[in-house]
Amino acid sequence: MKILAENVEKKFRQEYVIKNFNYAFTDHKKYAIVGPNGSGKSTLLQLLSQFSIPTKGTVNFIDNLGQAIEGDHAFKQIAFAAPYSEIIEEFTIQELISFLVSIQNLPSTFNIHTFEEFSELKTNPNKLIKDFSSGMKQKTKLTIAFSSERPFLFLDEPTTNLDSKSKSWFQSKLESETDKLILIASNEESEIKYCEERIQILDFK
């Protein structure tokens, strides 16, 4: 599995955020997108995840036979976590897990005990996600993203709102993850230190 970006550009009004981006991302590797705040790291991550459409160029997910993965099948390859990504806050954790299992976003064997063991969070069966702290919400998003069996994992500033213990938890999970193609948009060294390649966003302006 790979992600192939060819001549990708993104323009907002008259200003280019990304210009002439060409890159081949291969599976079982971790990549960091780095650059100053406001330089377009999140924009590039969203283009590569196909959550945003480029002004010019193409982004294709390529399967193991070398064929492009199209449409809904492409989105089924993605797990995405960011402070701004949505989560159904009117659910309890158990309700959220049941829903995500039903739409095949999580493995059929995933349950509340799996969640607690992986996240190191103790759950309250009656507590709605909207009543979680910002750190607990972010850790829940990361747990779901890591636990998904989807081959592409996109993370945008993943340790935002996490305390020092949870940041160490994230580093441990990231280091041990070897089966996915992982892209991280961040300037935090602690978030990207396990990335084999770094992409400087300023090189594509």
N, C-alpha and C. Protein backbone atom coordinates (compact mmCIF):
# COMPACT_ATOMS: atom_id res chain seq x y z
N MET A 1 0.85 -1.20 0.00
CA MET A 1 0.00 0.00 0.00
C MET A 1 0.88 1.25 0.00
N LYS A 2 0.47 2.25 -0.75
CA LYS A 2 1.23 3.49 -0.77
C LYS A 2 0.28 4.66 -1.06
N ILE A 3 0.78 5.86 -0.81
CA ILE A 3 0.08 7.09 -1.19
C ILE A 3 0.97 7.82 -2.18
N LEU A 4 0.40 8.17 -3.32
CA LEU A 4 1.16 8.84 -4.36
C LEU A 4 0.57 10.22 -4.62
N ALA A 5 1.36 11.26 -4.32
CA ALA A 5 0.94 12.65 -4.56
C ALA A 5 1.72 13.17 -5.77
N GLU A 6 1.00 13.69 -6.76
CA GLU A 6 1.62 14.16 -7.99
C GLU A 6 1.18 15.58 -8.31
N ASN A 7 2.14 16.50 -8.32
CA ASN A 7 1.91 17.90 -8.72
C ASN A 7 0.77 18.55 -7.92
N VAL A 8 0.72 18.26 -6.64
CA VAL A 8 -0.39 18.75 -5.80
C VAL A 8 -0.18 20.22 -5.46
N GLU A 9 -1.24 21.00 -5.66
CA GLU A 9 -1.23 22.40 -5.27
C GLU A 9 -2.57 22.73 -4.61
N LYS A 10 -2.52 23.66 -3.65
CA LYS A 10 -3.73 24.13 -2.98
C LYS A 10 -3.66 25.65 -2.90
N LYS A 11 -4.72 26.27 -3.39
CA LYS A 11 -4.77 27.73 -3.45
C LYS A 11 -6.04 28.21 -2.77
N PHE A 12 -5.90 29.18 -1.87
CA PHE A 12 -7.04 29.84 -1.24
C PHE A 12 -7.07 31.28 -1.76
N ARG A 13 -8.13 31.59 -2.50
CA ARG A 13 -8.22 32.88 -3.19
C ARG A 13 -7.00 33.03 -4.09
N GLN A 14 -6.14 34.02 -3.84
CA GLN A 14 -4.99 34.23 -4.73
C GLN A 14 -3.68 33.70 -4.13
N GLU A 15 -3.78 33.05 -2.98
CA GLU A 15 -2.56 32.62 -2.29
C GLU A 15 -2.41 31.11 -2.33
N TYR A 16 -1.21 30.67 -2.75
CA TYR A 16 -0.90 29.24 -2.73
C TYR A 16 -0.43 28.83 -1.33
N VAL A 17 -1.04 27.79 -0.82
CA VAL A 17 -0.60 27.21 0.45
C VAL A 17 0.40 26.09 0.17
N ILE A 18 0.15 25.30 -0.87
CA ILE A 18 1.03 24.22 -1.30
C ILE A 18 1.27 24.37 -2.80
N LYS A 19 2.52 24.21 -3.23
CA LYS A 19 2.82 24.27 -4.65
C LYS A 19 3.74 23.10 -5.04
N ASN A 20 3.38 22.45 -6.15
CA ASN A 20 4.24 21.45 -6.78
C ASN A 20 4.73 20.39 -5.79
N PHE A 21 3.77 19.80 -5.08
CA PHE A 21 4.12 18.76 -4.10
C PHE A 21 4.07 17.40 -4.78
N ASN A 22 5.19 16.72 -4.78
CA ASN A 22 5.31 15.37 -5.34
C ASN A 22 5.98 14.48 -4.30
N TYR A 23 5.32 13.36 -4.00
CA TYR A 23 5.90 12.48 -2.97
C TYR A 23 5.24 11.11 -3.06
N ALA A 24 6.03 10.08 -2.80
CA ALA A 24 5.50 8.71 -2.70
C ALA A 24 5.72 8.21 -1.28
N PHE A 25 4.62 7.91 -0.61
CA PHE A 25 4.65 7.41 0.76
C PHE A 25 4.43 5.90 0.74
N THR A 26 5.30 5.17 1.37
CA THR A 26 5.20 3.71 1.35
C THR A 26 4.79 3.17 2.71
N ASP A 27 4.18 1.98 2.70
CA ASP A 27 3.64 1.43 3.94
C ASP A 27 4.75 1.01 4.91
N HIS A 28 4.34 0.83 6.16
CA HIS A 28 5.23 0.46 7.26
C HIS A 28 6.27 1.53 7.55
N LYS A 29 5.95 2.79 7.23
CA LYS A 29 6.86 3.89 7.53
C LYS A 29 6.09 5.03 8.19
N LYS A 30 6.83 5.85 8.92
CA LYS A 30 6.26 7.02 9.59
C LYS A 30 6.87 8.29 8.99
N TYR A 31 6.01 9.26 8.67
CA TYR A 31 6.43 10.49 8.05
C TYR A 31 5.96 11.68 8.89
N ALA A 32 6.79 12.71 8.98
CA ALA A 32 6.42 13.94 9.68
C ALA A 32 6.33 15.07 8.68
N ILE A 33 5.26 15.87 8.79
CA ILE A 33 5.14 17.12 8.03
C ILE A 33 5.43 18.25 9.01
N VAL A 34 6.50 19.01 8.75
CA VAL A 34 6.95 20.02 9.69
C VAL A 34 6.99 21.39 9.02
N GLY A 35 6.97 22.42 9.84
CA GLY A 35 7.03 23.80 9.35
C GLY A 35 6.43 24.74 10.36
N PRO A 36 6.60 26.05 10.16
CA PRO A 36 6.09 27.05 11.11
C PRO A 36 4.57 26.96 11.26
N ASN A 37 4.09 27.49 12.37
CA ASN A 37 2.64 27.56 12.58
C ASN A 37 1.99 28.36 11.46
N GLY A 38 0.89 27.87 10.94
CA GLY A 38 0.18 28.56 9.89
C GLY A 38 0.76 28.38 8.50
N SER A 39 1.72 27.48 8.35
CA SER A 39 2.40 27.33 7.06
C SER A 39 1.71 26.33 6.14
N GLY A 40 0.73 25.58 6.64
CA GLY A 40 -0.01 24.67 5.78
C GLY A 40 0.15 23.19 6.09
N LYS A 41 0.70 22.86 7.25
CA LYS A 41 0.89 21.45 7.60
C LYS A 41 -0.45 20.70 7.62
N SER A 42 -1.43 21.27 8.29
CA SER A 42 -2.74 20.63 8.38
C SER A 42 -3.40 20.54 7.01
N THR A 43 -3.22 21.58 6.21
CA THR A 43 -3.79 21.56 4.85
C THR A 43 -3.21 20.42 4.04
N LEU A 44 -1.90 20.24 4.09
CA LEU A 44 -1.27 19.15 3.35
C LEU A 44 -1.74 17.79 3.87
N LEU A 45 -1.85 17.65 5.18
CA LEU A 45 -2.32 16.38 5.75
C LEU A 45 -3.73 16.07 5.25
N GLN A 46 -4.59 17.07 5.21
CA GLN A 46 -5.96 16.86 4.74
C GLN A 46 -6.01 16.56 3.24
N LEU A 47 -5.11 17.14 2.46
CA LEU A 47 -5.02 16.80 1.04
C LEU A 47 -4.59 15.35 0.85
N LEU A 48 -3.58 14.94 1.62
CA LEU A 48 -3.07 13.58 1.49
C LEU A 48 -4.07 12.53 1.97
N SER A 49 -4.91 12.91 2.93
CA SER A 49 -5.94 11.99 3.41
C SER A 49 -7.19 12.01 2.54
N GLN A 50 -7.19 12.88 1.54
CA GLN A 50 -8.31 13.07 0.62
C GLN A 50 -9.55 13.63 1.32
N PHE A 51 -9.34 14.28 2.45
CA PHE A 51 -10.42 15.00 3.12
C PHE A 51 -10.61 16.38 2.50
N SER A 52 -9.62 16.81 1.72
CA SER A 52 -9.68 18.08 1.00
C SER A 52 -9.23 17.84 -0.43
N ILE A 53 -9.79 18.61 -1.37
CA ILE A 53 -9.51 18.42 -2.78
C ILE A 53 -8.45 19.44 -3.23
N PRO A 54 -7.39 18.98 -3.90
CA PRO A 54 -6.37 19.94 -4.35
C PRO A 54 -6.89 20.84 -5.46
N THR A 55 -6.34 22.05 -5.54
CA THR A 55 -6.64 22.94 -6.65
C THR A 55 -6.10 22.35 -7.95
N LYS A 56 -4.97 21.67 -7.83
CA LYS A 56 -4.33 21.05 -8.99
C LYS A 56 -3.60 19.80 -8.51
N GLY A 57 -3.47 18.82 -9.41
CA GLY A 57 -2.74 17.61 -9.08
C GLY A 57 -3.64 16.51 -8.52
N THR A 58 -3.03 15.40 -8.17
CA THR A 58 -3.78 14.23 -7.70
C THR A 58 -3.12 13.58 -6.49
N VAL A 59 -3.97 12.97 -5.66
CA VAL A 59 -3.51 12.12 -4.57
C VAL A 59 -4.21 10.78 -4.75
N ASN A 60 -3.44 9.72 -4.86
CA ASN A 60 -4.01 8.38 -5.03
C ASN A 60 -3.50 7.43 -3.97
N PHE A 61 -4.42 6.59 -3.48
CA PHE A 61 -4.05 5.47 -2.63
C PHE A 61 -3.85 4.28 -3.56
N ILE A 62 -2.72 3.61 -3.42
CA ILE A 62 -2.36 2.51 -4.31
C ILE A 62 -2.33 1.20 -3.52
N ASP A 63 -3.02 0.20 -4.03
CA ASP A 63 -3.05 -1.08 -3.32
C ASP A 63 -1.81 -1.90 -3.63
N ASN A 64 -1.74 -3.11 -3.06
CA ASN A 64 -0.55 -3.94 -3.20
C ASN A 64 -0.35 -4.49 -4.61
N LEU A 65 -1.38 -4.36 -5.46
CA LEU A 65 -1.26 -4.77 -6.86
C LEU A 65 -0.91 -3.60 -7.77
N GLY A 66 -0.71 -2.42 -7.15
CA GLY A 66 -0.36 -1.26 -7.94
C GLY A 66 -1.54 -0.52 -8.54
N GLN A 67 -2.75 -0.86 -8.11
CA GLN A 67 -3.95 -0.24 -8.63
C GLN A 67 -4.44 0.87 -7.70
N ALA A 68 -4.97 1.95 -8.29
CA ALA A 68 -5.52 3.04 -7.48
C ALA A 68 -6.81 2.60 -6.80
N ILE A 69 -6.96 3.00 -5.54
CA ILE A 69 -8.17 2.70 -4.77
C ILE A 69 -9.11 3.89 -4.91
N GLU A 70 -10.32 3.66 -5.37
CA GLU A 70 -11.22 4.75 -5.72
C GLU A 70 -12.34 4.94 -4.70
N GLY A 71 -12.88 6.17 -4.68
CA GLY A 71 -14.13 6.49 -3.99
C GLY A 71 -14.17 6.09 -2.53
N ASP A 72 -15.32 5.48 -2.13
CA ASP A 72 -15.52 5.10 -0.74
C ASP A 72 -14.49 4.10 -0.27
N HIS A 73 -13.98 3.30 -1.18
CA HIS A 73 -12.97 2.31 -0.79
C HIS A 73 -11.70 3.01 -0.30
N ALA A 74 -11.41 4.19 -0.85
CA ALA A 74 -10.24 4.94 -0.40
C ALA A 74 -10.43 5.42 1.04
N PHE A 75 -11.60 5.95 1.35
CA PHE A 75 -11.84 6.46 2.69
C PHE A 75 -11.83 5.35 3.75
N LYS A 76 -12.11 4.14 3.32
CA LYS A 76 -12.09 3.01 4.26
C LYS A 76 -10.67 2.57 4.61
N GLN A 77 -9.68 3.21 3.99
CA GLN A 77 -8.28 2.90 4.31
C GLN A 77 -7.73 3.83 5.39
N ILE A 78 -8.51 4.81 5.83
CA ILE A 78 -8.00 5.92 6.64
C ILE A 78 -8.48 5.87 8.08
N ALA A 79 -7.55 6.10 8.99
CA ALA A 79 -7.88 6.48 10.37
C ALA A 79 -7.26 7.86 10.59
N PHE A 80 -8.02 8.77 11.19
CA PHE A 80 -7.60 10.16 11.31
C PHE A 80 -7.89 10.65 12.71
N ALA A 81 -6.93 11.33 13.32
CA ALA A 81 -7.15 11.90 14.65
C ALA A 81 -6.51 13.27 14.74
N ALA A 82 -7.27 14.23 15.24
CA ALA A 82 -6.79 15.60 15.43
C ALA A 82 -7.65 16.25 16.50
N PRO A 83 -7.15 17.30 17.14
CA PRO A 83 -7.98 17.99 18.15
C PRO A 83 -9.30 18.49 17.58
N TYR A 84 -9.31 18.82 16.28
CA TYR A 84 -10.52 19.36 15.66
C TYR A 84 -11.39 18.28 15.01
N SER A 85 -10.93 17.04 14.96
CA SER A 85 -11.75 15.99 14.34
C SER A 85 -12.95 15.68 15.23
N GLU A 86 -14.06 15.33 14.60
CA GLU A 86 -15.31 15.17 15.33
C GLU A 86 -15.43 13.79 15.95
N ILE A 87 -16.12 13.76 17.06
CA ILE A 87 -16.46 12.52 17.74
C ILE A 87 -17.89 12.69 18.26
N ILE A 88 -18.66 11.62 18.30
CA ILE A 88 -20.06 11.75 18.68
C ILE A 88 -20.16 11.90 20.20
N GLU A 89 -20.30 13.14 20.65
CA GLU A 89 -20.20 13.43 22.07
C GLU A 89 -21.47 13.10 22.84
N GLU A 90 -22.55 12.82 22.14
CA GLU A 90 -23.79 12.44 22.82
C GLU A 90 -23.80 10.96 23.19
N PHE A 91 -22.77 10.23 22.81
CA PHE A 91 -22.63 8.81 23.14
C PHE A 91 -21.82 8.63 24.42
N THR A 92 -22.06 7.51 25.10
CA THR A 92 -21.10 7.02 26.08
C THR A 92 -20.00 6.30 25.31
N ILE A 93 -18.93 5.93 26.01
CA ILE A 93 -17.87 5.19 25.34
C ILE A 93 -18.39 3.87 24.79
N GLN A 94 -19.21 3.17 25.57
CA GLN A 94 -19.75 1.89 25.09
C GLN A 94 -20.59 2.08 23.84
N GLU A 95 -21.40 3.12 23.81
CA GLU A 95 -22.22 3.39 22.63
C GLU A 95 -21.36 3.75 21.43
N LEU A 96 -20.30 4.52 21.67
CA LEU A 96 -19.41 4.89 20.59
C LEU A 96 -18.71 3.66 20.01
N ILE A 97 -18.21 2.80 20.88
CA ILE A 97 -17.54 1.58 20.43
C ILE A 97 -18.50 0.71 19.62
N SER A 98 -19.71 0.52 20.11
CA SER A 98 -20.69 -0.30 19.40
C SER A 98 -20.98 0.25 18.02
N PHE A 99 -21.10 1.57 17.94
CA PHE A 99 -21.37 2.21 16.66
C PHE A 99 -20.20 2.02 15.70
N LEU A 100 -18.98 2.25 16.17
CA LEU A 100 -17.81 2.15 15.30
C LEU A 100 -17.56 0.71 14.86
N VAL A 101 -17.86 -0.25 15.70
CA VAL A 101 -17.76 -1.66 15.30
C VAL A 101 -18.80 -1.96 14.23
N SER A 102 -20.00 -1.41 14.38
CA SER A 102 -21.09 -1.70 13.43
C SER A 102 -20.79 -1.17 12.03
N ILE A 103 -20.01 -0.08 11.93
CA ILE A 103 -19.66 0.47 10.61
C ILE A 103 -18.25 0.05 10.19
N GLN A 104 -17.71 -0.91 10.91
CA GLN A 104 -16.41 -1.52 10.59
C GLN A 104 -15.25 -0.52 10.66
N ASN A 105 -15.40 0.46 11.56
CA ASN A 105 -14.30 1.37 11.83
C ASN A 105 -13.37 0.81 12.89
N LEU A 106 -13.87 -0.13 13.67
CA LEU A 106 -13.09 -0.86 14.67
C LEU A 106 -13.31 -2.35 14.46
N PRO A 107 -12.35 -3.19 14.86
CA PRO A 107 -12.51 -4.64 14.71
C PRO A 107 -13.70 -5.16 15.51
N SER A 108 -14.29 -6.24 15.05
CA SER A 108 -15.48 -6.81 15.71
C SER A 108 -15.19 -7.26 17.14
N THR A 109 -13.92 -7.54 17.45
CA THR A 109 -13.55 -8.00 18.79
C THR A 109 -13.30 -6.86 19.75
N PHE A 110 -13.30 -5.62 19.25
CA PHE A 110 -13.00 -4.47 20.11
C PHE A 110 -14.18 -4.21 21.04
N ASN A 111 -13.90 -4.02 22.33
CA ASN A 111 -14.96 -3.78 23.32
C ASN A 111 -14.47 -2.80 24.38
N ILE A 112 -15.28 -2.58 25.37
CA ILE A 112 -14.95 -1.59 26.39
C ILE A 112 -13.68 -1.97 27.16
N HIS A 113 -13.47 -3.28 27.35
CA HIS A 113 -12.26 -3.72 28.06
C HIS A 113 -11.02 -3.50 27.20
N THR A 114 -11.15 -3.72 25.89
CA THR A 114 -10.05 -3.44 24.98
C THR A 114 -9.70 -1.96 25.02
N PHE A 115 -10.74 -1.14 25.02
CA PHE A 115 -10.54 0.31 25.07
C PHE A 115 -9.80 0.72 26.33
N GLU A 116 -10.25 0.23 27.48
CA GLU A 116 -9.62 0.61 28.75
C GLU A 116 -8.17 0.14 28.83
N GLU A 117 -7.92 -1.06 28.33
CA GLU A 117 -6.56 -1.60 28.38
C GLU A 117 -5.63 -0.79 27.48
N PHE A 118 -6.10 -0.46 26.28
CA PHE A 118 -5.25 0.27 25.33
C PHE A 118 -5.05 1.72 25.77
N SER A 119 -6.14 2.38 26.15
CA SER A 119 -6.08 3.81 26.45
C SER A 119 -5.56 4.12 27.86
N GLU A 120 -5.62 3.13 28.74
CA GLU A 120 -5.28 3.31 30.15
C GLU A 120 -6.22 4.33 30.80
N LEU A 121 -7.46 4.39 30.28
CA LEU A 121 -8.52 5.22 30.86
C LEU A 121 -9.55 4.33 31.54
N LYS A 122 -10.02 4.77 32.68
CA LYS A 122 -11.10 4.07 33.35
C LYS A 122 -12.41 4.73 32.95
N THR A 123 -13.35 3.96 32.45
CA THR A 123 -14.57 4.53 31.92
C THR A 123 -15.71 4.49 32.93
N ASN A 124 -16.59 5.46 32.80
CA ASN A 124 -17.84 5.49 33.56
C ASN A 124 -18.96 5.14 32.57
N PRO A 125 -19.69 4.04 32.78
CA PRO A 125 -20.66 3.59 31.77
C PRO A 125 -21.77 4.58 31.48
N ASN A 126 -22.00 5.51 32.39
CA ASN A 126 -23.10 6.47 32.19
C ASN A 126 -22.64 7.86 31.76
N LYS A 127 -21.34 8.05 31.66
CA LYS A 127 -20.82 9.39 31.36
C LYS A 127 -20.78 9.61 29.85
N LEU A 128 -21.34 10.72 29.41
CA LEU A 128 -21.32 11.06 28.00
C LEU A 128 -19.95 11.64 27.62
N ILE A 129 -19.55 11.42 26.39
CA ILE A 129 -18.25 11.90 25.93
C ILE A 129 -18.16 13.42 26.00
N LYS A 130 -19.29 14.10 25.84
CA LYS A 130 -19.28 15.57 25.91
C LYS A 130 -18.86 16.07 27.28
N ASP A 131 -18.94 15.22 28.30
CA ASP A 131 -18.55 15.61 29.64
C ASP A 131 -17.11 15.22 29.98
N PHE A 132 -16.41 14.63 29.00
CA PHE A 132 -14.99 14.31 29.18
C PHE A 132 -14.17 15.59 29.17
N SER A 133 -13.00 15.54 29.78
CA SER A 133 -12.04 16.63 29.63
C SER A 133 -11.50 16.63 28.20
N SER A 134 -10.88 17.74 27.81
CA SER A 134 -10.32 17.81 26.46
C SER A 134 -9.22 16.76 26.27
N GLY A 135 -8.47 16.50 27.31
CA GLY A 135 -7.43 15.48 27.22
C GLY A 135 -8.01 14.08 27.04
N MET A 136 -9.08 13.77 27.75
CA MET A 136 -9.72 12.46 27.61
C MET A 136 -10.33 12.29 26.22
N LYS A 137 -10.90 13.36 25.69
CA LYS A 137 -11.46 13.29 24.33
C LYS A 137 -10.35 12.99 23.32
N GLN A 138 -9.22 13.69 23.45
CA GLN A 138 -8.13 13.48 22.51
C GLN A 138 -7.56 12.08 22.64
N LYS A 139 -7.44 11.58 23.84
CA LYS A 139 -6.91 10.23 24.04
C LYS A 139 -7.88 9.19 23.49
N THR A 140 -9.17 9.47 23.59
CA THR A 140 -10.17 8.57 22.99
C THR A 140 -10.03 8.54 21.48
N LYS A 141 -9.86 9.71 20.85
CA LYS A 141 -9.67 9.77 19.40
C LYS A 141 -8.42 8.99 18.98
N LEU A 142 -7.34 9.15 19.73
CA LEU A 142 -6.11 8.46 19.39
C LEU A 142 -6.25 6.95 19.57
N THR A 143 -6.92 6.53 20.62
CA THR A 143 -7.14 5.10 20.84
C THR A 143 -7.92 4.49 19.69
N ILE A 144 -8.97 5.16 19.24
CA ILE A 144 -9.77 4.66 18.12
C ILE A 144 -8.93 4.60 16.85
N ALA A 145 -8.13 5.65 16.61
CA ALA A 145 -7.32 5.69 15.39
C ALA A 145 -6.27 4.58 15.39
N PHE A 146 -5.57 4.40 16.50
CA PHE A 146 -4.56 3.35 16.59
C PHE A 146 -5.20 1.96 16.49
N SER A 147 -6.39 1.80 17.05
CA SER A 147 -7.01 0.48 17.14
C SER A 147 -7.71 0.07 15.85
N SER A 148 -7.97 1.03 14.98
CA SER A 148 -8.54 0.70 13.68
C SER A 148 -7.58 -0.18 12.89
N GLU A 149 -8.14 -1.08 12.09
CA GLU A 149 -7.30 -1.95 11.26
C GLU A 149 -7.01 -1.33 9.90
N ARG A 150 -7.32 -0.04 9.74
CA ARG A 150 -7.08 0.64 8.47
C ARG A 150 -5.59 0.92 8.29
N PRO A 151 -5.09 0.79 7.05
CA PRO A 151 -3.63 0.83 6.85
C PRO A 151 -2.99 2.21 6.89
N PHE A 152 -3.79 3.28 6.74
CA PHE A 152 -3.23 4.63 6.74
C PHE A 152 -3.69 5.38 7.98
N LEU A 153 -2.73 5.90 8.73
CA LEU A 153 -3.03 6.63 9.96
C LEU A 153 -2.52 8.06 9.83
N PHE A 154 -3.44 9.03 9.93
CA PHE A 154 -3.11 10.45 9.82
C PHE A 154 -3.33 11.11 11.18
N LEU A 155 -2.31 11.81 11.66
CA LEU A 155 -2.38 12.45 12.97
C LEU A 155 -1.96 13.91 12.85
N ASP A 156 -2.80 14.81 13.35
CA ASP A 156 -2.49 16.24 13.31
C ASP A 156 -2.31 16.72 14.74
N GLU A 157 -1.09 17.16 15.08
CA GLU A 157 -0.77 17.61 16.44
C GLU A 157 -1.40 16.70 17.48
N PRO A 158 -1.01 15.43 17.47
CA PRO A 158 -1.73 14.41 18.23
C PRO A 158 -1.73 14.54 19.74
N THR A 159 -0.71 15.20 20.34
CA THR A 159 -0.69 15.26 21.80
C THR A 159 -1.26 16.56 22.35
N THR A 160 -1.93 17.35 21.50
CA THR A 160 -2.62 18.55 21.98
C THR A 160 -3.61 18.16 23.08
N ASN A 161 -3.58 18.87 24.19
CA ASN A 161 -4.46 18.68 25.35
C ASN A 161 -4.08 17.48 26.22
N LEU A 162 -3.01 16.76 25.88
CA LEU A 162 -2.60 15.63 26.71
C LEU A 162 -1.62 16.07 27.79
N ASP A 163 -1.73 15.46 28.97
CA ASP A 163 -0.75 15.74 30.03
C ASP A 163 0.52 14.93 29.77
N SER A 164 1.52 15.11 30.61
CA SER A 164 2.83 14.49 30.36
C SER A 164 2.74 12.95 30.36
N LYS A 165 1.91 12.39 31.22
CA LYS A 165 1.77 10.93 31.26
C LYS A 165 1.14 10.42 29.97
N SER A 166 0.13 11.12 29.49
CA SER A 166 -0.54 10.70 28.26
C SER A 166 0.36 10.92 27.04
N LYS A 167 1.20 11.93 27.08
CA LYS A 167 2.16 12.13 25.99
C LYS A 167 3.14 10.97 25.93
N SER A 168 3.59 10.48 27.07
CA SER A 168 4.46 9.31 27.10
C SER A 168 3.73 8.08 26.58
N TRP A 169 2.45 7.96 26.92
CA TRP A 169 1.61 6.87 26.40
C TRP A 169 1.56 6.93 24.88
N PHE A 170 1.35 8.12 24.33
CA PHE A 170 1.30 8.26 22.87
C PHE A 170 2.62 7.85 22.23
N GLN A 171 3.74 8.30 22.79
CA GLN A 171 5.04 7.96 22.22
C GLN A 171 5.25 6.46 22.20
N SER A 172 4.83 5.78 23.27
CA SER A 172 4.98 4.34 23.34
C SER A 172 4.14 3.64 22.27
N LYS A 173 2.89 4.09 22.10
CA LYS A 173 2.02 3.48 21.10
C LYS A 173 2.56 3.73 19.69
N LEU A 174 3.05 4.94 19.45
CA LEU A 174 3.57 5.27 18.13
C LEU A 174 4.81 4.45 17.81
N GLU A 175 5.70 4.34 18.77
CA GLU A 175 6.93 3.59 18.54
C GLU A 175 6.65 2.12 18.22
N SER A 176 5.64 1.55 18.87
CA SER A 176 5.35 0.13 18.69
C SER A 176 4.52 -0.17 17.45
N GLU A 177 3.96 0.88 16.81
CA GLU A 177 3.12 0.67 15.63
C GLU A 177 4.01 0.53 14.39
N THR A 178 4.01 -0.65 13.80
CA THR A 178 4.87 -0.91 12.64
C THR A 178 4.10 -1.36 11.40
N ASP A 179 2.80 -1.55 11.52
CA ASP A 179 2.02 -2.12 10.42
C ASP A 179 1.38 -1.07 9.52
N LYS A 180 1.34 0.18 9.95
CA LYS A 180 0.60 1.21 9.21
C LYS A 180 1.55 2.19 8.51
N LEU A 181 1.01 2.87 7.53
CA LEU A 181 1.66 4.05 6.96
C LEU A 181 1.15 5.24 7.76
N ILE A 182 2.05 5.93 8.46
CA ILE A 182 1.65 6.98 9.40
C ILE A 182 2.20 8.33 8.95
N LEU A 183 1.32 9.33 8.90
CA LEU A 183 1.72 10.71 8.62
C LEU A 183 1.31 11.58 9.80
N ILE A 184 2.26 12.39 10.29
CA ILE A 184 2.01 13.26 11.44
C ILE A 184 2.36 14.69 11.06
N ALA A 185 1.41 15.60 11.24
CA ALA A 185 1.67 17.02 11.06
C ALA A 185 1.94 17.63 12.43
N SER A 186 3.18 18.09 12.64
CA SER A 186 3.54 18.59 13.96
C SER A 186 4.91 19.27 13.95
N ASN A 187 5.10 20.16 14.91
CA ASN A 187 6.42 20.73 15.18
C ASN A 187 7.02 20.21 16.48
N GLU A 188 6.25 19.40 17.19
CA GLU A 188 6.70 18.89 18.49
C GLU A 188 7.63 17.70 18.29
N GLU A 189 8.86 17.83 18.74
CA GLU A 189 9.82 16.75 18.56
C GLU A 189 9.35 15.46 19.21
N SER A 190 8.67 15.57 20.34
CA SER A 190 8.21 14.38 21.03
C SER A 190 7.15 13.61 20.22
N GLU A 191 6.47 14.31 19.31
CA GLU A 191 5.44 13.67 18.50
C GLU A 191 6.01 13.02 17.24
N ILE A 192 7.16 13.48 16.79
CA ILE A 192 7.67 13.04 15.49
C ILE A 192 9.04 12.36 15.56
N LYS A 193 9.54 12.12 16.76
CA LYS A 193 10.90 11.61 16.86
C LYS A 193 11.06 10.20 16.30
N TYR A 194 9.95 9.46 16.15
CA TYR A 194 10.04 8.12 15.59
C TYR A 194 9.78 8.09 14.09
N CYS A 195 9.62 9.25 13.47
CA CYS A 195 9.37 9.31 12.03
C CYS A 195 10.68 9.14 11.25
N GLU A 196 10.64 8.26 10.26
CA GLU A 196 11.84 8.01 9.46
C GLU A 196 12.13 9.14 8.46
N GLU A 197 11.08 9.82 8.01
CA GLU A 197 11.27 10.89 7.03
C GLU A 197 10.51 12.13 7.48
N ARG A 198 11.10 13.30 7.17
CA ARG A 198 10.47 14.58 7.50
C ARG A 198 10.31 15.42 6.24
N ILE A 199 9.14 16.00 6.09
CA ILE A 199 8.81 16.82 4.94
C ILE A 199 8.67 18.25 5.42
N GLN A 200 9.52 19.12 4.94
CA GLN A 200 9.46 20.54 5.33
C GLN A 200 8.48 21.25 4.40
N ILE A 201 7.40 21.75 4.97
CA ILE A 201 6.34 22.36 4.19
C ILE A 201 6.83 23.58 3.41
N LEU A 202 7.84 24.27 3.95
CA LEU A 202 8.34 25.47 3.27
C LEU A 202 9.03 25.15 1.95
N ASP A 203 9.37 23.89 1.72
CA ASP A 203 9.98 23.51 0.44
C ASP A 203 8.95 23.47 -0.68
N PHE A 204 7.68 23.62 -0.33
CA PHE A 204 6.62 23.51 -1.35
C PHE A 204 5.76 24.76 -1.35
N LYS A 205 6.41 25.90 -1.34
CA LYS A 205 5.72 27.20 -1.36
C LYS A 205 5.99 27.91 -2.68
